[in-house]
PDB file of N, CA and C in Angstrom:
ATOM      1  N   MET A   1      13.675  14.853  -0.580  1.00  0.00           N
ATOM      2  CA  MET A   1      12.417  14.349  -1.108  1.00  0.00           C
ATOM      3  C   MET A   1      12.402  12.832  -0.962  1.00  0.00           C
ATOM      4  N   CYS A   2      11.266  12.284  -0.535  1.00  0.00           N
ATOM      5  CA  CYS A   2      11.181  10.848  -0.292  1.00  0.00           C
ATOM      6  C   CYS A   2      11.051  10.067  -1.607  1.00  0.00           C
ATOM      7  N   LEU A   3      11.280   8.779  -1.522  1.00  0.00           N
ATOM      8  CA  LEU A   3      11.238   7.888  -2.676  1.00  0.00           C
ATOM      9  C   LEU A   3       9.904   7.982  -3.413  1.00  0.00           C
ATOM     10  N   PHE A   4       8.798   7.943  -2.688  1.00  0.00           N
ATOM     11  CA  PHE A   4       7.491   7.961  -3.348  1.00  0.00           C
ATOM     12  C   PHE A   4       7.178   9.313  -3.959  1.00  0.00           C
ATOM     13  N   CYS A   5       7.657  10.399  -3.356  1.00  0.00           N
ATOM     14  CA  CYS A   5       7.485  11.722  -3.972  1.00  0.00           C
ATOM     15  C   CYS A   5       8.245  11.779  -5.296  1.00  0.00           C
ATOM     16  N   LYS A   6       9.393  11.107  -5.356  1.00  0.00           N
ATOM     17  CA  LYS A   6      10.146  11.055  -6.613  1.00  0.00           C
ATOM     18  C   LYS A   6       9.390  10.263  -7.675  1.00  0.00           C
ATOM     19  N   ILE A   7       8.657   9.235  -7.269  1.00  0.00           N
ATOM     20  CA  ILE A   7       7.821   8.504  -8.221  1.00  0.00           C
ATOM     21  C   ILE A   7       6.696   9.406  -8.717  1.00  0.00           C
ATOM     22  N   VAL A   8       6.060  10.124  -7.801  1.00  0.00           N
ATOM     23  CA  VAL A   8       4.988  11.056  -8.184  1.00  0.00           C
ATOM     24  C   VAL A   8       5.504  12.072  -9.197  1.00  0.00           C
ATOM     25  N   ASN A   9       6.730  12.574  -8.983  1.00  0.00           N
ATOM     26  CA  ASN A   9       7.328  13.588  -9.851  1.00  0.00           C
ATOM     27  C   ASN A   9       8.014  13.011 -11.086  1.00  0.00           C
ATOM     28  N   ASN A  10       7.859  11.704 -11.307  1.00  0.00           N
ATOM     29  CA  ASN A  10       8.470  11.003 -12.448  1.00  0.00           C
ATOM     30  C   ASN A  10       9.994  11.104 -12.466  1.00  0.00           C
ATOM     31  N   GLU A  11      10.597  11.240 -11.304  1.00  0.00           N
ATOM     32  CA  GLU A  11      12.054  11.232 -11.185  1.00  0.00           C
ATOM     33  C   GLU A  11      12.583   9.803 -11.060  1.00  0.00           C
ATOM     34  N   ILE A  12      11.709   8.904 -10.622  1.00  0.00           N
ATOM     35  CA  ILE A  12      12.014   7.482 -10.519  1.00  0.00           C
ATOM     36  C   ILE A  12      10.877   6.746 -11.222  1.00  0.00           C
ATOM     37  N   ALA A  13      11.231   5.775 -12.047  1.00  0.00           N
ATOM     38  CA  ALA A  13      10.218   5.012 -12.785  1.00  0.00           C
ATOM     39  C   ALA A  13       9.506   4.029 -11.852  1.00  0.00           C
ATOM     40  N   ALA A  14       8.248   3.800 -12.144  1.00  0.00           N
ATOM     41  CA  ALA A  14       7.458   2.795 -11.430  1.00  0.00           C
ATOM     42  C   ALA A  14       6.552   2.118 -12.447  1.00  0.00           C
ATOM     43  N   ASN A  15       6.255   0.871 -12.196  1.00  0.00           N
ATOM     44  CA  ASN A  15       5.363   0.103 -13.059  1.00  0.00           C
ATOM     45  C   ASN A  15       3.921   0.420 -12.644  1.00  0.00           C
ATOM     46  N   LYS A  16       3.399   1.505 -13.181  1.00  0.00           N
ATOM     47  CA  LYS A  16       2.081   2.003 -12.770  1.00  0.00           C
ATOM     48  C   LYS A  16       0.961   1.116 -13.286  1.00  0.00           C
ATOM     49  N   VAL A  17      -0.050   0.960 -12.437  1.00  0.00           N
ATOM     50  CA  VAL A  17      -1.227   0.172 -12.760  1.00  0.00           C
ATOM     51  C   VAL A  17      -2.419   1.094 -13.014  1.00  0.00           C
ATOM     52  N   MET A  18      -2.524   2.136 -12.194  1.00  0.00           N
ATOM     53  CA  MET A  18      -3.652   3.046 -12.283  1.00  0.00           C
ATOM     54  C   MET A  18      -3.239   4.381 -11.662  1.00  0.00           C
ATOM     55  N   GLU A  19      -3.860   5.455 -12.156  1.00  0.00           N
ATOM     56  CA  GLU A  19      -3.523   6.782 -11.649  1.00  0.00           C
ATOM     57  C   GLU A  19      -4.716   7.701 -11.868  1.00  0.00           C
ATOM     58  N   ASP A  20      -4.904   8.632 -10.936  1.00  0.00           N
ATOM     59  CA  ASP A  20      -5.861   9.711 -11.141  1.00  0.00           C
ATOM     60  C   ASP A  20      -5.217  11.001 -10.650  1.00  0.00           C
ATOM     61  N   ASP A  21      -5.989  12.035 -10.445  1.00  0.00           N
ATOM     62  CA  ASP A  21      -5.426  13.323 -10.033  1.00  0.00           C
ATOM     63  C   ASP A  21      -4.801  13.289  -8.647  1.00  0.00           C
ATOM     64  N   ASN A  22      -5.228  12.350  -7.801  1.00  0.00           N
ATOM     65  CA  ASN A  22      -4.796  12.352  -6.401  1.00  0.00           C
ATOM     66  C   ASN A  22      -3.947  11.162  -5.967  1.00  0.00           C
ATOM     67  N   PHE A  23      -4.014  10.052  -6.702  1.00  0.00           N
ATOM     68  CA  PHE A  23      -3.360   8.818  -6.262  1.00  0.00           C
ATOM     69  C   PHE A  23      -2.683   8.102  -7.419  1.00  0.00           C
ATOM     70  N   ILE A  24      -1.685   7.283  -7.060  1.00  0.00           N
ATOM     71  CA  ILE A  24      -1.003   6.413  -8.015  1.00  0.00           C
ATOM     72  C   ILE A  24      -0.966   5.009  -7.411  1.00  0.00           C
ATOM     73  N   ALA A  25      -1.182   4.011  -8.253  1.00  0.00           N
ATOM     74  CA  ALA A  25      -1.026   2.614  -7.873  1.00  0.00           C
ATOM     75  C   ALA A  25       0.051   2.008  -8.770  1.00  0.00           C
ATOM     76  N   PHE A  26       1.008   1.313  -8.164  1.00  0.00           N
ATOM     77  CA  PHE A  26       2.088   0.694  -8.934  1.00  0.00           C
ATOM     78  C   PHE A  26       2.507  -0.609  -8.276  1.00  0.00           C
ATOM     79  N   HIS A  27       3.113  -1.488  -9.083  1.00  0.00           N
ATOM     80  CA  HIS A  27       3.558  -2.789  -8.589  1.00  0.00           C
ATOM     81  C   HIS A  27       4.705  -2.625  -7.600  1.00  0.00           C
ATOM     82  N   ASP A  28       4.633  -3.388  -6.507  1.00  0.00           N
ATOM     83  CA  ASP A  28       5.707  -3.420  -5.520  1.00  0.00           C
ATOM     84  C   ASP A  28       6.927  -4.101  -6.150  1.00  0.00           C
ATOM     85  N   ILE A  29       8.119  -3.588  -5.894  1.00  0.00           N
ATOM     86  CA  ILE A  29       9.323  -4.182  -6.485  1.00  0.00           C
ATOM     87  C   ILE A  29       9.744  -5.476  -5.777  1.00  0.00           C
ATOM     88  N   ASN A  30       9.153  -5.748  -4.611  1.00  0.00           N
ATOM     89  CA  ASN A  30       9.452  -6.973  -3.866  1.00  0.00           C
ATOM     90  C   ASN A  30       8.125  -7.635  -3.482  1.00  0.00           C
ATOM     91  N   PRO A  31       7.404  -8.185  -4.475  1.00  0.00           N
ATOM     92  CA  PRO A  31       6.044  -8.668  -4.214  1.00  0.00           C
ATOM     93  C   PRO A  31       5.982  -9.835  -3.237  1.00  0.00           C
ATOM     94  N   LYS A  32       4.935  -9.803  -2.414  1.00  0.00           N
ATOM     95  CA  LYS A  32       4.677 -10.860  -1.433  1.00  0.00           C
ATOM     96  C   LYS A  32       3.464 -11.700  -1.815  1.00  0.00           C
ATOM     97  N   ALA A  33       2.881 -11.420  -2.971  1.00  0.00           N
ATOM     98  CA  ALA A  33       1.719 -12.155  -3.479  1.00  0.00           C
ATOM     99  C   ALA A  33       1.709 -11.988  -4.994  1.00  0.00           C
ATOM    100  N   PRO A  34       0.953 -12.824  -5.708  1.00  0.00           N
ATOM    101  CA  PRO A  34       0.888 -12.668  -7.167  1.00  0.00           C
ATOM    102  C   PRO A  34       0.474 -11.257  -7.590  1.00  0.00           C
ATOM    103  N   VAL A  35      -0.424 -10.650  -6.839  1.00  0.00           N
ATOM    104  CA  VAL A  35      -0.769  -9.246  -7.040  1.00  0.00           C
ATOM    105  C   VAL A  35      -0.306  -8.509  -5.791  1.00  0.00           C
ATOM    106  N   HIS A  36       0.619  -7.581  -5.955  1.00  0.00           N
ATOM    107  CA  HIS A  36       1.105  -6.764  -4.831  1.00  0.00           C
ATOM    108  C   HIS A  36       1.331  -5.360  -5.365  1.00  0.00           C
ATOM    109  N   ILE A  37       0.369  -4.505  -5.085  1.00  0.00           N
ATOM    110  CA  ILE A  37       0.360  -3.139  -5.613  1.00  0.00           C
ATOM    111  C   ILE A  37       0.403  -2.160  -4.456  1.00  0.00           C
ATOM    112  N   LEU A  38       1.182  -1.106  -4.611  1.00  0.00           N
ATOM    113  CA  LEU A  38       1.216  -0.021  -3.634  1.00  0.00           C
ATOM    114  C   LEU A  38       0.332   1.114  -4.122  1.00  0.00           C
ATOM    115  N   VAL A  39      -0.412   1.700  -3.221  1.00  0.00           N
ATOM    116  CA  VAL A  39      -1.260   2.855  -3.523  1.00  0.00           C
ATOM    117  C   VAL A  39      -0.786   4.008  -2.656  1.00  0.00           C
ATOM    118  N   ILE A  40      -0.470   5.132  -3.304  1.00  0.00           N
ATOM    119  CA  ILE A  40       0.035   6.294  -2.577  1.00  0.00           C
ATOM    120  C   ILE A  40      -0.728   7.556  -2.989  1.00  0.00           C
ATOM    121  N   PRO A  41      -0.840   8.517  -2.061  1.00  0.00           N
ATOM    122  CA  PRO A  41      -1.356   9.825  -2.464  1.00  0.00           C
ATOM    123  C   PRO A  41      -0.252  10.598  -3.180  1.00  0.00           C
ATOM    124  N   LYS A  42      -0.650  11.470  -4.074  1.00  0.00           N
ATOM    125  CA  LYS A  42       0.337  12.274  -4.802  1.00  0.00           C
ATOM    126  C   LYS A  42       0.934  13.381  -3.947  1.00  0.00           C
ATOM    127  N   ILE A  43       0.240  13.770  -2.901  1.00  0.00           N
ATOM    128  CA  ILE A  43       0.842  14.740  -1.980  1.00  0.00           C
ATOM    129  C   ILE A  43       1.502  13.962  -0.843  1.00  0.00           C
ATOM    130  N   HIS A  44       2.543  14.536  -0.283  1.00  0.00           N
ATOM    131  CA  HIS A  44       3.269  13.842   0.774  1.00  0.00           C
ATOM    132  C   HIS A  44       2.481  13.885   2.081  1.00  0.00           C
ATOM    133  N   VAL A  45       2.159  12.700   2.570  1.00  0.00           N
ATOM    134  CA  VAL A  45       1.574  12.493   3.897  1.00  0.00           C
ATOM    135  C   VAL A  45       2.441  11.416   4.515  1.00  0.00           C
ATOM    136  N   GLU A  46       2.990  11.681   5.693  1.00  0.00           N
ATOM    137  CA  GLU A  46       3.987  10.760   6.239  1.00  0.00           C
ATOM    138  C   GLU A  46       3.427   9.375   6.571  1.00  0.00           C
ATOM    139  N   SER A  47       2.262   9.318   7.209  1.00  0.00           N
ATOM    140  CA  SER A  47       1.733   8.009   7.597  1.00  0.00           C
ATOM    141  C   SER A  47       0.233   8.097   7.828  1.00  0.00           C
ATOM    142  N   PHE A  48      -0.351   6.970   8.174  1.00  0.00           N
ATOM    143  CA  PHE A  48      -1.774   6.901   8.491  1.00  0.00           C
ATOM    144  C   PHE A  48      -2.129   7.845   9.632  1.00  0.00           C
ATOM    145  N   ASN A  49      -1.189   8.099  10.531  1.00  0.00           N
ATOM    146  CA  ASN A  49      -1.423   9.024  11.647  1.00  0.00           C
ATOM    147  C   ASN A  49      -1.724  10.437  11.173  1.00  0.00           C
ATOM    148  N   ASP A  50      -1.309  10.783   9.967  1.00  0.00           N
ATOM    149  CA  ASP A  50      -1.398  12.157   9.479  1.00  0.00           C
ATOM    150  C   ASP A  50      -2.441  12.359   8.380  1.00  0.00           C
ATOM    151  N   VAL A  51      -3.118  11.314   7.962  1.00  0.00           N
ATOM    152  CA  VAL A  51      -4.033  11.403   6.829  1.00  0.00           C
ATOM    153  C   VAL A  51      -5.380  11.984   7.268  1.00  0.00           C
ATOM    154  N   SER A  52      -5.970  12.789   6.404  1.00  0.00           N
ATOM    155  CA  SER A  52      -7.287  13.359   6.696  1.00  0.00           C
ATOM    156  C   SER A  52      -8.377  12.335   6.382  1.00  0.00           C
ATOM    157  N   SER A  53      -9.526  12.511   7.000  1.00  0.00           N
ATOM    158  CA  SER A  53     -10.636  11.605   6.730  1.00  0.00           C
ATOM    159  C   SER A  53     -11.102  11.729   5.283  1.00  0.00           C
ATOM    160  N   GLN A  54     -11.026  12.925   4.706  1.00  0.00           N
ATOM    161  CA  GLN A  54     -11.435  13.101   3.307  1.00  0.00           C
ATOM    162  C   GLN A  54     -10.479  12.364   2.370  1.00  0.00           C
ATOM    163  N   MET A  55      -9.167  12.446   2.637  1.00  0.00           N
ATOM    164  CA  MET A  55      -8.205  11.723   1.797  1.00  0.00           C
ATOM    165  C   MET A  55      -8.440  10.216   1.910  1.00  0.00           C
ATOM    166  N   MET A  56      -8.734   9.727   3.115  1.00  0.00           N
ATOM    167  CA  MET A  56      -8.991   8.291   3.285  1.00  0.00           C
ATOM    168  C   MET A  56     -10.237   7.879   2.516  1.00  0.00           C
ATOM    169  N   ALA A  57     -11.265   8.712   2.536  1.00  0.00           N
ATOM    170  CA  ALA A  57     -12.479   8.390   1.780  1.00  0.00           C
ATOM    171  C   ALA A  57     -12.167   8.308   0.289  1.00  0.00           C
ATOM    172  N   ASP A  58     -11.402   9.271  -0.205  1.00  0.00           N
ATOM    173  CA  ASP A  58     -11.038   9.277  -1.624  1.00  0.00           C
ATOM    174  C   ASP A  58     -10.138   8.095  -1.970  1.00  0.00           C
ATOM    175  N   MET A  59      -9.201   7.773  -1.077  1.00  0.00           N
ATOM    176  CA  MET A  59      -8.293   6.657  -1.325  1.00  0.00           C
ATOM    177  C   MET A  59      -9.050   5.335  -1.293  1.00  0.00           C
ATOM    178  N   THR A  60     -10.029   5.223  -0.419  1.00  0.00           N
ATOM    179  CA  THR A  60     -10.858   4.018  -0.364  1.00  0.00           C
ATOM    180  C   THR A  60     -11.546   3.797  -1.704  1.00  0.00           C
ATOM    181  N   HIS A  61     -12.124   4.841  -2.244  1.00  0.00           N
ATOM    182  CA  HIS A  61     -12.790   4.749  -3.546  1.00  0.00           C
ATOM    183  C   HIS A  61     -11.790   4.341  -4.636  1.00  0.00           C
ATOM    184  N   PHE A  62     -10.588   4.910  -4.616  1.00  0.00           N
ATOM    185  CA  PHE A  62      -9.542   4.581  -5.587  1.00  0.00           C
ATOM    186  C   PHE A  62      -9.162   3.100  -5.481  1.00  0.00           C
ATOM    187  N   ILE A  63      -8.967   2.615  -4.257  1.00  0.00           N
ATOM    188  CA  ILE A  63      -8.584   1.212  -4.057  1.00  0.00           C
ATOM    189  C   ILE A  63      -9.704   0.282  -4.517  1.00  0.00           C
ATOM    190  N   GLN A  64     -10.947   0.649  -4.268  1.00  0.00           N
ATOM    191  CA  GLN A  64     -12.066  -0.173  -4.721  1.00  0.00           C
ATOM    192  C   GLN A  64     -12.106  -0.264  -6.249  1.00  0.00           C
ATOM    193  N   LYS A  65     -11.786   0.822  -6.932  1.00  0.00           N
ATOM    194  CA  LYS A  65     -11.699   0.772  -8.401  1.00  0.00           C
ATOM    195  C   LYS A  65     -10.503  -0.073  -8.831  1.00  0.00           C
ATOM    196  N   LEU A  66      -9.379   0.076  -8.139  1.00  0.00           N
ATOM    197  CA  LEU A  66      -8.163  -0.665  -8.463  1.00  0.00           C
ATOM    198  C   LEU A  66      -8.377  -2.166  -8.402  1.00  0.00           C
ATOM    199  N   VAL A  67      -9.001  -2.671  -7.339  1.00  0.00           N
ATOM    200  CA  VAL A  67      -9.164  -4.123  -7.202  1.00  0.00           C
ATOM    201  C   VAL A  67     -10.080  -4.687  -8.288  1.00  0.00           C
ATOM    202  N   GLY A  68     -11.007  -3.873  -8.767  1.00  0.00           N
ATOM    203  CA  GLY A  68     -11.807  -4.287  -9.916  1.00  0.00           C
ATOM    204  C   GLY A  68     -10.972  -4.308 -11.180  1.00  0.00           C
ATOM    205  N   HIS A  69     -10.124  -3.305 -11.324  1.00  0.00           N
ATOM    206  CA  HIS A  69      -9.262  -3.179 -12.508  1.00  0.00           C
ATOM    207  C   HIS A  69      -8.295  -4.361 -12.636  1.00  0.00           C
ATOM    208  N   VAL A  70      -7.760  -4.846 -11.497  1.00  0.00           N
ATOM    209  CA  VAL A  70      -6.802  -5.964 -11.538  1.00  0.00           C
ATOM    210  C   VAL A  70      -7.468  -7.312 -11.257  1.00  0.00           C
ATOM    211  N   ASP A  71      -8.796  -7.313 -11.222  1.00  0.00           N
ATOM    212  CA  ASP A  71      -9.604  -8.530 -11.153  1.00  0.00           C
ATOM    213  C   ASP A  71      -9.375  -9.369  -9.898  1.00  0.00           C
ATOM    214  N   ILE A  72      -9.303  -8.708  -8.734  1.00  0.00           N
ATOM    215  CA  ILE A  72      -9.235  -9.452  -7.475  1.00  0.00           C
ATOM    216  C   ILE A  72     -10.398  -9.094  -6.547  1.00  0.00           C
ATOM    217  N   LYS A  73     -11.314  -8.292  -7.038  1.00  0.00           N
ATOM    218  CA  LYS A  73     -12.418  -7.809  -6.201  1.00  0.00           C
ATOM    219  C   LYS A  73     -13.261  -8.955  -5.650  1.00  0.00           C
ATOM    220  N   THR A  74     -13.602  -9.925  -6.464  1.00  0.00           N
ATOM    221  CA  THR A  74     -14.472 -11.005  -5.994  1.00  0.00           C
ATOM    222  C   THR A  74     -13.700 -12.163  -5.364  1.00  0.00           C
ATOM    223  N   SER A  75     -12.461 -12.391  -5.791  1.00  0.00           N
ATOM    224  CA  SER A  75     -11.679 -13.505  -5.226  1.00  0.00           C
ATOM    225  C   SER A  75     -11.131 -13.167  -3.846  1.00  0.00           C
ATOM    226  N   GLY A  76     -10.924 -11.888  -3.579  1.00  0.00           N
ATOM    227  CA  GLY A  76     -10.456 -11.457  -2.264  1.00  0.00           C
ATOM    228  C   GLY A  76      -9.066 -10.864  -2.302  1.00  0.00           C
ATOM    229  N   TYR A  77      -8.800 -10.035  -1.331  1.00  0.00           N
ATOM    230  CA  TYR A  77      -7.532  -9.313  -1.260  1.00  0.00           C
ATOM    231  C   TYR A  77      -7.326  -8.784   0.151  1.00  0.00           C
ATOM    232  N   ARG A  78      -6.142  -8.278   0.395  1.00  0.00           N
ATOM    233  CA  ARG A  78      -5.784  -7.692   1.692  1.00  0.00           C
ATOM    234  C   ARG A  78      -5.262  -6.281   1.440  1.00  0.00           C
ATOM    235  N   VAL A  79      -5.634  -5.350   2.314  1.00  0.00           N
ATOM    236  CA  VAL A  79      -5.141  -3.970   2.258  1.00  0.00           C
ATOM    237  C   VAL A  79      -4.431  -3.704   3.577  1.00  0.00           C
ATOM    238  N   ILE A  80      -3.146  -3.307   3.487  1.00  0.00           N
ATOM    239  CA  ILE A  80      -2.319  -3.125   4.681  1.00  0.00           C
ATOM    240  C   ILE A  80      -1.589  -1.798   4.603  1.00  0.00           C
ATOM    241  N   THR A  81      -1.510  -1.109   5.732  1.00  0.00           N
ATOM    242  CA  THR A  81      -0.585   0.010   5.845  1.00  0.00           C
ATOM    243  C   THR A  81       0.236  -0.193   7.110  1.00  0.00           C
ATOM    244  N   ASN A  82       1.500   0.121   7.033  1.00  0.00           N
ATOM    245  CA  ASN A  82       2.402   0.032   8.168  1.00  0.00           C
ATOM    246  C   ASN A  82       2.648   1.449   8.687  1.00  0.00           C
ATOM    247  N   VAL A  83       2.676   1.595  10.009  1.00  0.00           N
ATOM    248  CA  VAL A  83       2.837   2.920  10.599  1.00  0.00           C
ATOM    249  C   VAL A  83       4.024   2.908  11.559  1.00  0.00           C
ATOM    250  N   GLY A  84       5.002   3.754  11.301  1.00  0.00           N
ATOM    251  CA  GLY A  84       6.148   3.912  12.195  1.00  0.00           C
ATOM    252  C   GLY A  84       7.117   2.748  12.140  1.00  0.00           C
ATOM    253  N   ASP A  85       8.205   2.923  12.853  1.00  0.00           N
ATOM    254  CA  ASP A  85       9.271   1.921  12.853  1.00  0.00           C
ATOM    255  C   ASP A  85       8.803   0.565  13.374  1.00  0.00           C
ATOM    256  N   ASN A  86       8.103   0.543  14.500  1.00  0.00           N
ATOM    257  CA  ASN A  86       7.655  -0.726  15.064  1.00  0.00           C
ATOM    258  C   ASN A  86       6.575  -1.378  14.211  1.00  0.00           C
ATOM    259  N   GLY A  87       5.868  -0.591  13.416  1.00  0.00           N
ATOM    260  CA  GLY A  87       4.849  -1.133  12.525  1.00  0.00           C
ATOM    261  C   GLY A  87       5.414  -1.594  11.195  1.00  0.00           C
ATOM    262  N   GLY A  88       6.712  -1.373  10.976  1.00  0.00           N
ATOM    263  CA  GLY A  88       7.351  -1.842   9.754  1.00  0.00           C
ATOM    264  C   GLY A  88       7.317  -0.871   8.592  1.00  0.00           C
ATOM    265  N   GLN A  89       7.018   0.412   8.862  1.00  0.00           N
ATOM    266  CA  GLN A  89       6.975   1.393   7.770  1.00  0.00           C
ATOM    267  C   GLN A  89       8.396   1.717   7.326  1.00  0.00           C
ATOM    268  N   GLU A  90       8.714   1.368   6.086  1.00  0.00           N
ATOM    269  CA  GLU A  90      10.058   1.587   5.551  1.00  0.00           C
ATOM    270  C   GLU A  90      10.171   2.906   4.803  1.00  0.00           C
ATOM    271  N   VAL A  91       9.111   3.328   4.122  1.00  0.00           N
ATOM    272  CA  VAL A  91       9.109   4.605   3.404  1.00  0.00           C
ATOM    273  C   VAL A  91       8.141   5.521   4.131  1.00  0.00           C
ATOM    274  N   LYS A  92       8.628   6.669   4.562  1.00  0.00           N
ATOM    275  CA  LYS A  92       7.807   7.606   5.344  1.00  0.00           C
ATOM    276  C   LYS A  92       6.934   8.455   4.424  1.00  0.00           C
ATOM    277  N   HIS A  93       6.065   7.775   3.683  1.00  0.00           N
ATOM    278  CA  HIS A  93       5.050   8.376   2.812  1.00  0.00           C
ATOM    279  C   HIS A  93       3.890   7.394   2.870  1.00  0.00           C
ATOM    280  N   LEU A  94       2.713   7.869   3.233  1.00  0.00           N
ATOM    281  CA  LEU A  94       1.549   6.996   3.361  1.00  0.00           C
ATOM    282  C   LEU A  94       1.427   6.099   2.136  1.00  0.00           C
ATOM    283  N   HIS A  95       1.293   4.820   2.369  1.00  0.00           N
ATOM    284  CA  HIS A  95       1.059   3.879   1.278  1.00  0.00           C
ATOM    285  C   HIS A  95       0.328   2.655   1.805  1.00  0.00           C
ATOM    286  N   PHE A  96      -0.494   2.120   0.929  1.00  0.00           N
ATOM    287  CA  PHE A  96      -1.240   0.911   1.231  1.00  0.00           C
ATOM    288  C   PHE A  96      -0.767  -0.190   0.297  1.00  0.00           C
ATOM    289  N   HIS A  97      -0.549  -1.359   0.874  1.00  0.00           N
ATOM    290  CA  HIS A  97      -0.228  -2.554   0.107  1.00  0.00           C
ATOM    291  C   HIS A  97      -1.551  -3.246  -0.204  1.00  0.00           C
ATOM    292  N   VAL A  98      -1.795  -3.529  -1.462  1.00  0.00           N
ATOM    293  CA  VAL A  98      -2.970  -4.288  -1.884  1.00  0.00           C
ATOM    294  C   VAL A  98      -2.442  -5.619  -2.404  1.00  0.00           C
ATOM    295  N   LEU A  99      -2.779  -6.689  -1.703  1.00  0.00           N
ATOM    296  CA  LEU A  99      -2.273  -8.016  -2.040  1.00  0.00           C
ATOM    297  C   LEU A  99      -3.422  -8.955  -2.384  1.00  0.00           C
ATOM    298  N   GLY A 100      -3.217  -9.777  -3.394  1.00  0.00           N
ATOM    299  CA  GLY A 100      -4.232 -10.749  -3.785  1.00  0.00           C
ATOM    300  C   GLY A 100      -3.706 -11.682  -4.849  1.00  0.00           C
ATOM    301  N   GLY A 101      -4.622 -12.347  -5.501  1.00  0.00           N
ATOM    302  CA  GLY A 101      -4.248 -13.259  -6.578  1.00  0.00           C
ATOM    303  C   GLY A 101      -3.973 -14.672  -6.125  1.00  0.00           C
ATOM    304  N   ALA A 102      -4.113 -14.941  -4.819  1.00  0.00           N
ATOM    305  CA  ALA A 102      -3.904 -16.281  -4.265  1.00  0.00           C
ATOM    306  C   ALA A 102      -4.496 -16.298  -2.859  1.00  0.00           C
ATOM    307  N   LYS A 103      -4.642 -17.479  -2.301  1.00  0.00           N
ATOM    308  CA  LYS A 103      -5.073 -17.613  -0.910  1.00  0.00           C
ATOM    309  C   LYS A 103      -3.936 -17.102  -0.033  1.00  0.00           C
ATOM    310  N   LEU A 104      -4.176 -16.018   0.673  1.00  0.00           N
ATOM    311  CA  LEU A 104      -3.123 -15.379   1.462  1.00  0.00           C
ATOM    312  C   LEU A 104      -3.058 -15.977   2.863  1.00  0.00           C
ATOM    313  N   ARG A 105      -1.846 -16.230   3.326  1.00  0.00           N
ATOM    314  CA  ARG A 105      -1.623 -16.708   4.691  1.00  0.00           C
ATOM    315  C   ARG A 105      -1.225 -15.519   5.552  1.00  0.00           C
ATOM    316  N   TRP A 106      -1.350 -15.682   6.829  1.00  0.00           N
ATOM    317  CA  TRP A 106      -0.923 -14.649   7.769  1.00  0.00           C
ATOM    318  C   TRP A 106       0.403 -15.134   8.340  1.00  0.00           C
ATOM    319  N   GLY A 107       1.501 -14.794   7.655  1.00  0.00           N
ATOM    320  CA  GLY A 107       2.785 -15.417   7.941  1.00  0.00           C
ATOM    321  C   GLY A 107       3.645 -14.795   9.008  1.00  0.00           C
ATOM    322  N   HIS A 108       3.536 -13.483   9.217  1.00  0.00           N
ATOM    323  CA  HIS A 108       4.469 -12.906  10.188  1.00  0.00           C
ATOM    324  C   HIS A 108       4.058 -13.286  11.606  1.00  0.00           C
ATOM    325  N   PHE A 109       5.017 -13.321  12.474  1.00  0.00           N
ATOM    326  CA  PHE A 109       4.889 -13.717  13.873  1.00  0.00           C
ATOM    327  C   PHE A 109       4.693 -15.216  14.049  1.00  0.00           C
ATOM    328  N   THR A 110       4.766 -16.009  12.968  1.00  0.00           N
ATOM    329  CA  THR A 110       4.563 -17.446  13.133  1.00  0.00           C
ATOM    330  C   THR A 110       5.666 -18.085  13.974  1.00  0.00           C
ATOM    331  N   ASP A 111       6.852 -17.478  13.974  1.00  0.00           N
ATOM    332  CA  ASP A 111       7.949 -18.036  14.768  1.00  0.00           C
ATOM    333  C   ASP A 111       8.252 -17.191  15.992  1.00  0.00           C
ATOM    334  N   ALA A 112       7.394 -16.223  16.290  1.00  0.00           N
ATOM    335  CA  ALA A 112       7.647 -15.323  17.409  1.00  0.00           C
ATOM    336  C   ALA A 112       7.077 -15.908  18.702  1.00  0.00           C
ATOM    337  N   ASP A 113       7.761 -15.641  19.778  1.00  0.00           N
ATOM    338  CA  ASP A 113       7.289 -16.002  21.113  1.00  0.00           C
ATOM    339  C   ASP A 113       6.649 -14.766  21.723  1.00  0.00           C
ATOM    340  N   PRO A 114       5.349 -14.803  22.031  1.00  0.00           N
ATOM    341  CA  PRO A 114       4.688 -13.614  22.582  1.00  0.00           C
ATOM    342  C   PRO A 114       5.367 -13.054  23.812  1.00  0.00           C
ATOM    343  N   LYS A 115       6.060 -13.912  24.583  1.00  0.00           N
ATOM    344  CA  LYS A 115       6.767 -13.433  25.774  1.00  0.00           C
ATOM    345  C   LYS A 115       7.839 -12.389  25.409  1.00  0.00           C
ATOM    346  N   ASP A 116       8.333 -12.452  24.176  1.00  0.00           N
ATOM    347  CA  ASP A 116       9.350 -11.492  23.746  1.00  0.00           C
ATOM    348  C   ASP A 116       8.762 -10.091  23.574  1.00  0.00           C
ATOM    349  N   TYR A 117       7.442  -9.993  23.490  1.00  0.00           N
ATOM    350  CA  TYR A 117       6.796  -8.717  23.222  1.00  0.00           C
ATOM    351  C   TYR A 117       5.998  -8.190  24.400  1.00  0.00           C
ATOM    352  N   LEU A 118       5.873  -8.960  25.459  1.00  0.00           N
ATOM    353  CA  LEU A 118       5.071  -8.548  26.605  1.00  0.00           C
ATOM    354  C   LEU A 118       5.930  -8.138  27.780  1.00  0.00           C
TER     355      LEU A 118
END
């Protein structure tokens, strides 16, 4: 069973922010912004490649409620999902990072040489 499924099953504690019948939002243990919350479905879906359009619609609505709940809706925020090894996905359970609470920079690849990737 994956790490996030264990959180869903209350086998591992998480600092939950919001929850409904289908999704859980909790604080990231290694935050990259003043507000850094992970949003996951309660059923196991490995990645964005495997998610249904209906689940995405429902998750979108959940995230929109979440950003209002944590008061970043008007100031701005970023929603990110990583897919696969090259995309940086560390936990093979669909999750979205919701980051906000400050002016966010686009920091990765700042020291990368594009020639290394082409």
